[in-house]
Amino acid sequence: MGCDTSKTESKDDVEFQENGEDFSDNQIDSIKSTWPLLSRNTLTTGLELFRLIFLTEPQIKSLFMERKNIQDDDILNDPIFKEHIEKFMQTLGHVVDTLDTNRDESEQTLLLLGAKHGMIEGFKEDYFSVYSSCMIDTWESVIGEEFIIEVKESWEALCVFITRFMREGYALYQQETANTESDNEAAV
């Protein structure tokens, strides 16, 4: 359970990613039935997730410390960081809630969130994969014996969905920034 970012994608994940297909009813049921276990204590679950993210990619931790002026030893106890975790888990809950009702709204939310991450100096697009793989490992730990293969594959599909739109938002922001800089240089 080492948050391996080089995990192979399942056939369903690849198909979802390539074809943009909807989630199956079984995937939605698996995600929605296990979300209450994950959201029972969002702060504790979120802290577990971010602890693993920071162990896997320490540079992500340093980005938080620089942006929020938080000391290394105190980051997991910092109220500003805990607020970030709560927002992260709320956004995830919103995506889960709208899987079968208003996916367009979730896509827009994720695009904007990806663009916001594009504004963070030092944030790399590859970090989205770190979040996804660490999320699966954390969910396995929190959900326990109910984290059967069907549940795992369903959450992996959701991670692919989330990451796809966040990467797209990130790339759009990066492209827009590059275009603006190019326009400014041309005007000089």
Protein backbone atom coordinates (compact mmCIF):
# COMPACT_ATOMS: atom_id res chain seq x y z
CA MET A 1 0.00 0.00 0.00
CA GLY A 2 2.73 2.42 -0.99
CA CYS A 3 0.79 4.85 -3.15
CA ASP A 4 2.44 3.61 -6.33
CA THR A 5 1.83 6.16 -9.06
CA SER A 6 2.85 3.69 -11.74
CA LYS A 7 -0.09 1.34 -11.17
CA THR A 8 -1.63 -0.10 -14.28
CA GLU A 9 -5.11 1.00 -15.16
CA SER A 10 -7.88 -1.55 -15.37
CA LYS A 11 -9.60 -2.18 -18.70
CA ASP A 12 -12.67 -0.24 -17.48
CA ASP A 13 -10.52 2.78 -16.53
CA VAL A 14 -8.88 2.87 -19.94
CA GLU A 15 -12.23 2.54 -21.72
CA PHE A 16 -13.76 5.28 -19.57
CA GLN A 17 -10.79 7.53 -20.20
CA GLU A 18 -10.71 6.98 -23.95
CA ASN A 19 -14.42 6.94 -24.70
CA GLY A 20 -15.73 9.29 -22.02
CA GLU A 21 -18.42 6.74 -21.27
CA ASP A 22 -20.78 7.17 -18.39
CA PHE A 23 -20.29 5.30 -15.17
CA SER A 24 -22.19 2.05 -14.96
CA ASP A 25 -24.99 1.74 -12.43
CA ASN A 26 -22.83 -0.73 -10.50
CA GLN A 27 -19.93 1.73 -10.36
CA ILE A 28 -22.19 4.51 -9.12
CA ASP A 29 -23.69 2.18 -6.51
CA SER A 30 -20.23 1.07 -5.36
CA ILE A 31 -19.00 4.65 -5.02
CA LYS A 32 -22.14 5.96 -3.36
CA SER A 33 -22.41 3.02 -0.96
CA THR A 34 -18.83 3.41 0.26
CA TRP A 35 -18.74 7.21 0.40
CA PRO A 36 -20.49 7.28 3.82
CA LEU A 37 -17.59 5.24 5.23
CA LEU A 38 -15.12 7.77 3.85
CA SER A 39 -17.11 10.84 4.82
CA ARG A 40 -18.01 9.64 8.30
CA ASN A 41 -15.13 11.79 9.53
CA THR A 42 -13.93 13.84 6.58
CA LEU A 43 -11.11 15.48 8.48
CA THR A 44 -9.60 12.20 9.68
CA THR A 45 -9.93 10.60 6.24
CA GLY A 46 -8.51 13.69 4.56
CA LEU A 47 -5.59 13.85 7.00
CA GLU A 48 -4.78 10.20 6.25
CA LEU A 49 -4.88 10.96 2.53
CA PHE A 50 -2.65 14.01 2.73
CA ARG A 51 -0.22 12.30 5.10
CA LEU A 52 0.26 9.64 2.41
CA ILE A 53 0.49 12.24 -0.37
CA PHE A 54 3.21 14.09 1.55
CA LEU A 55 5.14 10.86 2.13
CA THR A 56 4.86 9.95 -1.54
CA GLU A 57 5.70 13.38 -2.95
CA PRO A 58 7.31 15.70 -0.36
CA GLN A 59 7.34 18.55 -2.88
CA ILE A 60 3.55 18.79 -2.57
CA LYS A 61 3.94 19.33 1.16
CA SER A 62 6.44 22.12 0.56
CA LEU A 63 3.96 23.84 -1.78
CA PHE A 64 1.45 24.02 1.06
CA MET A 65 4.04 25.32 3.48
CA GLU A 66 5.17 28.06 1.06
CA ARG A 67 1.68 29.19 0.03
CA LYS A 68 0.15 29.15 3.47
CA ASN A 69 3.27 29.98 5.50
CA ILE A 70 2.95 26.83 7.60
CA GLN A 71 5.82 25.21 9.48
CA ASP A 72 6.78 21.64 8.53
CA ASP A 73 6.04 20.04 11.88
CA ASP A 74 2.68 21.74 12.23
CA ILE A 75 1.14 21.32 8.80
CA LEU A 76 -1.26 18.48 9.70
CA ASN A 77 -2.45 20.42 12.74
CA ASP A 78 -2.72 23.81 11.08
CA PRO A 79 -6.30 25.21 10.96
CA ILE A 80 -5.78 26.64 7.46
CA PHE A 81 -4.58 23.27 6.19
CA LYS A 82 -7.47 21.48 7.91
CA GLU A 83 -9.85 23.89 6.18
CA HIS A 84 -8.26 22.92 2.86
CA ILE A 85 -8.84 19.24 3.67
CA GLU A 86 -12.49 19.90 4.49
CA LYS A 87 -12.94 21.75 1.16
CA PHE A 88 -11.21 18.91 -0.69
CA MET A 89 -13.53 16.34 0.88
CA GLN A 90 -16.62 18.52 0.28
CA THR A 91 -15.73 18.85 -3.39
CA LEU A 92 -15.23 15.11 -3.63
CA GLY A 93 -18.59 14.58 -1.92
CA HIS A 94 -20.22 16.90 -4.44
CA VAL A 95 -18.73 14.91 -7.32
CA VAL A 96 -19.99 11.68 -5.75
CA ASP A 97 -23.46 13.17 -5.20
CA THR A 98 -23.81 14.34 -8.80
CA LEU A 99 -22.46 11.25 -10.59
CA ASP A 100 -25.92 10.27 -11.72
CA THR A 101 -27.70 13.62 -11.65
CA ASN A 102 -25.64 16.62 -12.77
CA ARG A 103 -22.26 15.51 -14.04
CA ASP A 104 -21.84 18.70 -16.15
CA GLU A 105 -21.72 20.76 -12.97
CA SER A 106 -19.03 18.49 -11.54
CA GLU A 107 -17.03 18.70 -14.75
CA GLN A 108 -17.11 22.51 -14.58
CA THR A 109 -16.12 22.46 -10.90
CA LEU A 110 -13.20 20.16 -11.68
CA LEU A 111 -12.07 22.26 -14.66
CA LEU A 112 -12.00 25.36 -12.47
CA LEU A 113 -10.22 23.50 -9.70
CA GLY A 114 -7.64 22.26 -12.18
CA ALA A 115 -7.10 25.83 -13.39
CA LYS A 116 -6.67 26.99 -9.78
CA HIS A 117 -3.94 24.38 -9.36
CA GLY A 118 -2.35 25.76 -12.52
CA MET A 119 -1.98 29.08 -10.68
CA ILE A 120 0.08 27.48 -7.92
CA GLU A 121 3.73 28.14 -8.61
CA GLY A 122 5.61 24.85 -8.58
CA PHE A 123 2.55 22.63 -8.96
CA LYS A 124 3.13 19.94 -11.58
CA GLU A 125 0.46 18.20 -13.61
CA ASP A 126 1.84 14.82 -12.52
CA TYR A 127 0.75 15.59 -8.96
CA PHE A 128 -2.83 14.78 -9.96
CA SER A 129 -1.74 11.17 -10.43
CA VAL A 130 -0.14 11.18 -6.99
CA TYR A 131 -3.43 12.34 -5.47
CA SER A 132 -5.37 9.64 -7.33
CA SER A 133 -3.15 6.71 -6.42
CA CYS A 134 -2.87 7.85 -2.81
CA MET A 135 -6.63 8.25 -2.68
CA ILE A 136 -7.12 4.62 -3.71
CA ASP A 137 -4.61 3.44 -1.08
CA THR A 138 -6.22 5.58 1.62
CA TRP A 139 -9.73 4.47 0.66
CA GLU A 140 -8.62 0.84 0.93
CA SER A 141 -7.34 1.52 4.44
CA VAL A 142 -10.48 3.39 5.55
CA ILE A 143 -13.09 1.17 3.87
CA GLY A 144 -11.40 -2.05 4.93
CA GLU A 145 -12.93 -5.39 4.00
CA GLU A 146 -15.66 -3.74 1.92
CA PHE A 147 -12.96 -2.50 -0.47
CA ILE A 148 -13.50 -5.40 -2.86
CA ILE A 149 -12.23 -5.32 -6.44
CA GLU A 150 -15.51 -3.87 -7.77
CA VAL A 151 -15.32 -1.00 -5.28
CA LYS A 152 -11.66 -0.40 -6.06
CA GLU A 153 -12.27 -0.33 -9.82
CA SER A 154 -15.22 2.02 -9.35
CA TRP A 155 -13.15 4.47 -7.32
CA GLU A 156 -10.32 4.17 -9.84
CA ALA A 157 -12.78 5.12 -12.59
CA LEU A 158 -13.88 8.12 -10.54
CA CYS A 159 -10.24 9.12 -10.04
CA VAL A 160 -9.72 8.92 -13.82
CA PHE A 161 -12.79 11.13 -14.31
CA ILE A 162 -11.64 13.68 -11.72
CA THR A 163 -8.08 13.73 -12.97
CA ARG A 164 -9.13 14.09 -16.60
CA PHE A 165 -11.06 17.29 -15.96
CA MET A 166 -8.56 18.71 -13.48
CA ARG A 167 -5.73 18.10 -15.97
CA GLU A 168 -7.79 19.75 -18.68
CA GLY A 169 -8.42 22.82 -16.50
CA TYR A 170 -4.76 22.91 -15.53
CA ALA A 171 -3.66 22.71 -19.17
CA LEU A 172 -6.12 25.41 -20.25
CA TYR A 173 -4.79 27.75 -17.58
CA GLN A 174 -1.17 26.98 -18.54
CA GLN A 175 -1.96 27.56 -22.22
CA GLU A 176 -3.78 30.82 -21.49
CA THR A 177 -0.88 32.02 -19.37
CA ALA A 178 1.62 31.14 -22.11
CA ASN A 179 -0.52 32.92 -24.72
CA THR A 180 -0.81 36.03 -22.54
CA GLU A 181 2.95 36.09 -21.92
CA SER A 182 3.58 35.63 -25.65
CA ASP A 183 1.16 38.46 -26.47
CA ASN A 184 2.83 40.72 -23.90
CA GLU A 185 6.29 39.97 -25.32
CA ALA A 186 5.07 40.67 -28.84
CA ALA A 187 3.61 44.01 -27.73
CA VAL A 188 6.95 45.15 -26.30
